[in-house]
Amino acid sequence: MQDAVLAMLAKEPAHGYNLRARLQRSLGPLGESMNPGQIYVTLARLEKAGLVVCERAGGLPERPERKVYALTPAGQQRVAAWLAEVGWPKPDLAEFHLKLAAAAAARLADPVELVAAQRRELLRRLREVQRAALNEPAGSRAGLLLEGVVLRLQADLRWLSACERAWSGNDDEAEDA
């Protein structure tokens, strides 16, 4: 979140409400769950870290004074480094695989039942994201983000099918997995 806020400030200085609105527009339906206070906490942390500076913008009689945030040179360097960084979201699949292995080894739970529960949750998420994607206008950037989420969830569901096949087999083979 911090890097995205910094990147939004790279275009021009802005106040918290404006930044939140821009982030929500960029994220589409995924941005609706953004806590309004989250942006202000993030801005305070960035200011404390010396990545942004805050100035008070003159208020009008009908509108109070606002804090306007701008990048510092250190903030500009961080944005440049973040944009140059090549990364991939950390999948929680490795953690789920460890959960399966530990549950089976300690005989705490049936791994196939854990897979089924995980599949139900992923299917629920997939339906939500697909509904949100259908409500986006064709070619929207938020729609593109939602398409990526759909593809990731579909891939995770295929992986769960492979887990189910592996864990449904011989118990000795499953313990080695």
C-alpha atoms as a PDB file:
ATOM      1  CA  MET A   1       0.000   0.000   0.000  1.00  0.00           C
ATOM      2  CA  GLN A   2       2.807   2.425   0.868  1.00  0.00           C
ATOM      3  CA  ASP A   3       4.461   2.104  -2.518  1.00  0.00           C
ATOM      4  CA  ALA A   4       1.159   2.585  -4.345  1.00  0.00           C
ATOM      5  CA  VAL A   5       0.476   5.762  -2.351  1.00  0.00           C
ATOM      6  CA  LEU A   6       3.959   7.047  -3.164  1.00  0.00           C
ATOM      7  CA  ALA A   7       3.417   6.301  -6.848  1.00  0.00           C
ATOM      8  CA  MET A   8       0.109   8.191  -6.805  1.00  0.00           C
ATOM      9  CA  LEU A   9       1.936  11.173  -5.283  1.00  0.00           C
ATOM     10  CA  ALA A  10       4.601  11.024  -8.005  1.00  0.00           C
ATOM     11  CA  LYS A  11       2.103  12.549 -10.429  1.00  0.00           C
ATOM     12  CA  GLU A  12       1.242  15.499  -8.204  1.00  0.00           C
ATOM     13  CA  PRO A  13       0.880  16.440  -4.539  1.00  0.00           C
ATOM     14  CA  ALA A  14      -2.506  15.500  -3.091  1.00  0.00           C
ATOM     15  CA  HIS A  15      -4.516  15.325   0.098  1.00  0.00           C
ATOM     16  CA  GLY A  16      -5.581  12.048   1.678  1.00  0.00           C
ATOM     17  CA  TYR A  17      -9.161  12.075   0.431  1.00  0.00           C
ATOM     18  CA  ASN A  18      -7.998  12.599  -3.149  1.00  0.00           C
ATOM     19  CA  LEU A  19      -5.422   9.809  -2.883  1.00  0.00           C
ATOM     20  CA  ARG A  20      -7.991   7.399  -1.486  1.00  0.00           C
ATOM     21  CA  ALA A  21     -10.427   8.223  -4.297  1.00  0.00           C
ATOM     22  CA  ARG A  22      -7.730   7.702  -6.944  1.00  0.00           C
ATOM     23  CA  LEU A  23      -6.708   4.370  -5.440  1.00  0.00           C
ATOM     24  CA  GLN A  24     -10.318   3.221  -5.254  1.00  0.00           C
ATOM     25  CA  ARG A  25     -10.888   4.179  -8.893  1.00  0.00           C
ATOM     26  CA  SER A  26      -7.757   2.276  -9.898  1.00  0.00           C
ATOM     27  CA  LEU A  27      -8.793  -0.840  -7.983  1.00  0.00           C
ATOM     28  CA  GLY A  28     -12.455  -0.749  -8.959  1.00  0.00           C
ATOM     29  CA  PRO A  29     -14.590  -3.070  -6.828  1.00  0.00           C
ATOM     30  CA  LEU A  30     -11.496  -4.368  -5.035  1.00  0.00           C
ATOM     31  CA  GLY A  31     -10.920  -0.881  -3.655  1.00  0.00           C
ATOM     32  CA  GLU A  32     -14.344  -0.659  -2.034  1.00  0.00           C
ATOM     33  CA  SER A  33     -13.106  -2.519   1.022  1.00  0.00           C
ATOM     34  CA  MET A  34     -10.339   0.026   1.598  1.00  0.00           C
ATOM     35  CA  ASN A  35     -10.646   1.443   5.110  1.00  0.00           C
ATOM     36  CA  PRO A  36     -10.902   5.253   4.922  1.00  0.00           C
ATOM     37  CA  GLY A  37      -8.424   5.684   7.777  1.00  0.00           C
ATOM     38  CA  GLN A  38      -5.880   3.379   6.139  1.00  0.00           C
ATOM     39  CA  ILE A  39      -4.670   6.049   3.736  1.00  0.00           C
ATOM     40  CA  TYR A  40      -4.068   8.533   6.561  1.00  0.00           C
ATOM     41  CA  VAL A  41      -2.147   5.984   8.641  1.00  0.00           C
ATOM     42  CA  THR A  42      -0.060   5.163   5.566  1.00  0.00           C
ATOM     43  CA  LEU A  43       0.628   8.858   4.907  1.00  0.00           C
ATOM     44  CA  ALA A  44       1.696   9.389   8.531  1.00  0.00           C
ATOM     45  CA  ARG A  45       4.128   6.463   8.276  1.00  0.00           C
ATOM     46  CA  LEU A  46       5.518   7.746   4.992  1.00  0.00           C
ATOM     47  CA  GLU A  47       5.988  11.217   6.499  1.00  0.00           C
ATOM     48  CA  LYS A  48       7.748   9.757   9.537  1.00  0.00           C
ATOM     49  CA  ALA A  49      10.023   7.767   7.205  1.00  0.00           C
ATOM     50  CA  GLY A  50      10.939  10.963   5.326  1.00  0.00           C
ATOM     51  CA  LEU A  51       9.352   9.815   2.064  1.00  0.00           C
ATOM     52  CA  VAL A  52       6.664  12.515   1.949  1.00  0.00           C
ATOM     53  CA  VAL A  53       6.254  16.013   3.325  1.00  0.00           C
ATOM     54  CA  CYS A  54       3.014  17.578   4.405  1.00  0.00           C
ATOM     55  CA  GLU A  55       1.921  21.181   3.919  1.00  0.00           C
ATOM     56  CA  ARG A  56      -1.322  22.821   4.922  1.00  0.00           C
ATOM     57  CA  ALA A  57      -3.359  24.062   1.969  1.00  0.00           C
ATOM     58  CA  GLY A  58      -5.341  27.236   2.488  1.00  0.00           C
ATOM     59  CA  GLY A  59      -8.907  26.456   3.332  1.00  0.00           C
ATOM     60  CA  LEU A  60     -11.970  28.301   2.219  1.00  0.00           C
ATOM     61  CA  PRO A  61     -14.565  29.553   4.681  1.00  0.00           C
ATOM     62  CA  GLU A  62     -16.826  26.628   3.798  1.00  0.00           C
ATOM     63  CA  ARG A  63     -13.966  24.091   3.676  1.00  0.00           C
ATOM     64  CA  PRO A  64     -11.331  23.513   6.368  1.00  0.00           C
ATOM     65  CA  GLU A  65      -7.605  23.599   5.741  1.00  0.00           C
ATOM     66  CA  ARG A  66      -6.277  20.355   4.251  1.00  0.00           C
ATOM     67  CA  LYS A  67      -2.980  18.582   4.510  1.00  0.00           C
ATOM     68  CA  VAL A  68      -1.392  18.180   1.098  1.00  0.00           C
ATOM     69  CA  TYR A  69       1.312  15.550   0.729  1.00  0.00           C
ATOM     70  CA  ALA A  70       4.215  15.598  -1.718  1.00  0.00           C
ATOM     71  CA  LEU A  71       7.122  13.257  -2.375  1.00  0.00           C
ATOM     72  CA  THR A  72      10.561  13.978  -1.017  1.00  0.00           C
ATOM     73  CA  PRO A  73      13.626  13.040  -3.085  1.00  0.00           C
ATOM     74  CA  ALA A  74      13.838   9.842  -0.991  1.00  0.00           C
ATOM     75  CA  GLY A  75      10.197   9.132  -1.826  1.00  0.00           C
ATOM     76  CA  GLN A  76      10.896   9.632  -5.528  1.00  0.00           C
ATOM     77  CA  GLN A  77      13.816   7.187  -5.307  1.00  0.00           C
ATOM     78  CA  ARG A  78      11.641   4.619  -3.549  1.00  0.00           C
ATOM     79  CA  VAL A  79       8.944   4.877  -6.241  1.00  0.00           C
ATOM     80  CA  ALA A  80      11.555   4.420  -8.968  1.00  0.00           C
ATOM     81  CA  ALA A  81      12.995   1.374  -7.185  1.00  0.00           C
ATOM     82  CA  TRP A  82       9.518  -0.109  -6.640  1.00  0.00           C
ATOM     83  CA  LEU A  83       8.575   0.316 -10.287  1.00  0.00           C
ATOM     84  CA  ALA A  84      11.854  -1.271 -11.416  1.00  0.00           C
ATOM     85  CA  GLU A  85      11.390  -4.232  -9.057  1.00  0.00           C
ATOM     86  CA  VAL A  86      10.162  -7.410 -10.709  1.00  0.00           C
ATOM     87  CA  GLY A  87       8.126  -9.493  -8.326  1.00  0.00           C
ATOM     88  CA  TRP A  88       5.261 -11.871  -8.094  1.00  0.00           C
ATOM     89  CA  PRO A  89       2.591 -12.089  -5.422  1.00  0.00           C
ATOM     90  CA  LYS A  90       3.485 -14.554  -2.716  1.00  0.00           C
ATOM     91  CA  PRO A  91       1.182 -17.508  -3.118  1.00  0.00           C
ATOM     92  CA  ASP A  92      -0.346 -18.916   0.022  1.00  0.00           C
ATOM     93  CA  LEU A  93      -0.203 -22.318  -1.641  1.00  0.00           C
ATOM     94  CA  ALA A  94       3.084 -23.262   0.055  1.00  0.00           C
ATOM     95  CA  GLU A  95       1.540 -22.518   3.445  1.00  0.00           C
ATOM     96  CA  PHE A  96      -1.550 -24.530   2.553  1.00  0.00           C
ATOM     97  CA  HIS A  97       0.634 -27.462   1.435  1.00  0.00           C
ATOM     98  CA  LEU A  98       2.429 -27.342   4.797  1.00  0.00           C
ATOM     99  CA  LYS A  99      -0.956 -27.358   6.527  1.00  0.00           C
ATOM    100  CA  LEU A 100      -1.905 -30.496   4.585  1.00  0.00           C
ATOM    101  CA  ALA A 101       1.370 -32.234   5.400  1.00  0.00           C
ATOM    102  CA  ALA A 102       1.233 -31.317   9.102  1.00  0.00           C
ATOM    103  CA  ALA A 103      -2.425 -32.321   9.460  1.00  0.00           C
ATOM    104  CA  ALA A 104      -1.726 -35.680   7.832  1.00  0.00           C
ATOM    105  CA  ALA A 105       1.482 -36.360   9.759  1.00  0.00           C
ATOM    106  CA  ALA A 106      -0.107 -35.578  13.121  1.00  0.00           C
ATOM    107  CA  ARG A 107      -3.420 -37.152  12.081  1.00  0.00           C
ATOM    108  CA  LEU A 108      -5.166 -33.947  13.139  1.00  0.00           C
ATOM    109  CA  ALA A 109      -7.361 -33.679  10.053  1.00  0.00           C
ATOM    110  CA  ASP A 110      -8.052 -35.397   6.771  1.00  0.00           C
ATOM    111  CA  PRO A 111      -6.074 -33.535   4.082  1.00  0.00           C
ATOM    112  CA  VAL A 112      -8.784 -34.276   1.503  1.00  0.00           C
ATOM    113  CA  GLU A 113     -11.347 -32.537   3.733  1.00  0.00           C
ATOM    114  CA  LEU A 114      -8.999 -29.564   4.109  1.00  0.00           C
ATOM    115  CA  VAL A 115      -8.698 -29.420   0.310  1.00  0.00           C
ATOM    116  CA  ALA A 116     -12.493 -29.506  -0.010  1.00  0.00           C
ATOM    117  CA  ALA A 117     -12.896 -26.646   2.471  1.00  0.00           C
ATOM    118  CA  GLN A 118     -10.238 -24.606   0.659  1.00  0.00           C
ATOM    119  CA  ARG A 119     -11.949 -25.310  -2.682  1.00  0.00           C
ATOM    120  CA  ARG A 120     -15.304 -24.060  -1.343  1.00  0.00           C
ATOM    121  CA  GLU A 121     -13.676 -20.815  -0.202  1.00  0.00           C
ATOM    122  CA  LEU A 122     -11.869 -20.292  -3.509  1.00  0.00           C
ATOM    123  CA  LEU A 123     -15.091 -20.957  -5.448  1.00  0.00           C
ATOM    124  CA  ARG A 124     -16.898 -18.398  -3.285  1.00  0.00           C
ATOM    125  CA  ARG A 125     -14.178 -15.830  -3.980  1.00  0.00           C
ATOM    126  CA  LEU A 126     -14.197 -16.689  -7.681  1.00  0.00           C
ATOM    127  CA  ARG A 127     -17.960 -16.085  -7.932  1.00  0.00           C
ATOM    128  CA  GLU A 128     -17.572 -12.706  -6.174  1.00  0.00           C
ATOM    129  CA  VAL A 129     -14.771 -11.579  -8.456  1.00  0.00           C
ATOM    130  CA  GLN A 130     -16.528 -12.801 -11.600  1.00  0.00           C
ATOM    131  CA  ARG A 131     -19.667 -10.837 -10.613  1.00  0.00           C
ATOM    132  CA  ALA A 132     -17.555  -7.739 -10.030  1.00  0.00           C
ATOM    133  CA  ALA A 133     -15.786  -8.232 -13.376  1.00  0.00           C
ATOM    134  CA  LEU A 134     -19.114  -8.444 -15.208  1.00  0.00           C
ATOM    135  CA  ASN A 135     -20.090  -5.061 -13.767  1.00  0.00           C
ATOM    136  CA  GLU A 136     -16.955  -3.358 -15.085  1.00  0.00           C
ATOM    137  CA  PRO A 137     -17.046  -1.627 -18.467  1.00  0.00           C
ATOM    138  CA  ALA A 138     -15.204  -3.435 -21.249  1.00  0.00           C
ATOM    139  CA  GLY A 139     -11.535  -2.490 -21.353  1.00  0.00           C
ATOM    140  CA  SER A 140     -11.441  -0.876 -17.916  1.00  0.00           C
ATOM    141  CA  ARG A 141      -8.233  -1.080 -15.916  1.00  0.00           C
ATOM    142  CA  ALA A 142     -10.129  -2.363 -12.888  1.00  0.00           C
ATOM    143  CA  GLY A 143     -11.596  -5.058 -15.152  1.00  0.00           C
ATOM    144  CA  LEU A 144      -8.073  -6.075 -16.126  1.00  0.00           C
ATOM    145  CA  LEU A 145      -7.132  -6.372 -12.446  1.00  0.00           C
ATOM    146  CA  LEU A 146     -10.223  -8.486 -11.796  1.00  0.00           C
ATOM    147  CA  GLU A 147      -9.346 -10.717 -14.762  1.00  0.00           C
ATOM    148  CA  GLY A 148      -5.949 -11.354 -13.169  1.00  0.00           C
ATOM    149  CA  VAL A 149      -7.616 -12.297  -9.877  1.00  0.00           C
ATOM    150  CA  VAL A 150      -9.978 -14.672 -11.707  1.00  0.00           C
ATOM    151  CA  LEU A 151      -7.081 -16.355 -13.511  1.00  0.00           C
ATOM    152  CA  ARG A 152      -5.117 -16.770 -10.260  1.00  0.00           C
ATOM    153  CA  LEU A 153      -8.137 -18.284  -8.498  1.00  0.00           C
ATOM    154  CA  GLN A 154      -8.740 -20.663 -11.399  1.00  0.00           C
ATOM    155  CA  ALA A 155      -5.102 -21.758 -11.290  1.00  0.00           C
ATOM    156  CA  ASP A 156      -5.338 -22.280  -7.517  1.00  0.00           C
ATOM    157  CA  LEU A 157      -8.448 -24.426  -8.033  1.00  0.00           C
ATOM    158  CA  ARG A 158      -6.590 -26.592 -10.571  1.00  0.00           C
ATOM    159  CA  TRP A 159      -3.745 -26.978  -8.068  1.00  0.00           C
ATOM    160  CA  LEU A 160      -6.242 -28.037  -5.381  1.00  0.00           C
ATOM    161  CA  SER A 161      -7.481 -30.760  -7.730  1.00  0.00           C
ATOM    162  CA  ALA A 162      -3.901 -32.017  -8.006  1.00  0.00           C
ATOM    163  CA  CYS A 163      -3.596 -31.922  -4.197  1.00  0.00           C
ATOM    164  CA  GLU A 164      -6.803 -33.895  -3.839  1.00  0.00           C
ATOM    165  CA  ARG A 165      -5.541 -36.561  -6.248  1.00  0.00           C
ATOM    166  CA  ALA A 166      -2.221 -36.796  -4.399  1.00  0.00           C
ATOM    167  CA  TRP A 167      -3.743 -36.921  -0.921  1.00  0.00           C
ATOM    168  CA  SER A 168      -6.515 -39.345  -1.924  1.00  0.00           C
ATOM    169  CA  GLY A 169      -3.908 -41.961  -2.803  1.00  0.00           C
ATOM    170  CA  ASN A 170      -1.816 -44.141  -0.530  1.00  0.00           C
ATOM    171  CA  ASP A 171      -1.149 -42.596   2.923  1.00  0.00           C
ATOM    172  CA  ASP A 172       2.585 -43.334   2.593  1.00  0.00           C
ATOM    173  CA  GLU A 173       2.721 -41.451  -0.705  1.00  0.00           C
ATOM    174  CA  ALA A 174       0.792 -38.517   0.742  1.00  0.00           C
ATOM    175  CA  GLU A 175       3.220 -38.222   3.660  1.00  0.00           C
ATOM    176  CA  ASP A 176       6.081 -37.929   1.164  1.00  0.00           C
ATOM    177  CA  ALA A 177       4.294 -35.148  -0.774  1.00  0.00           C
END
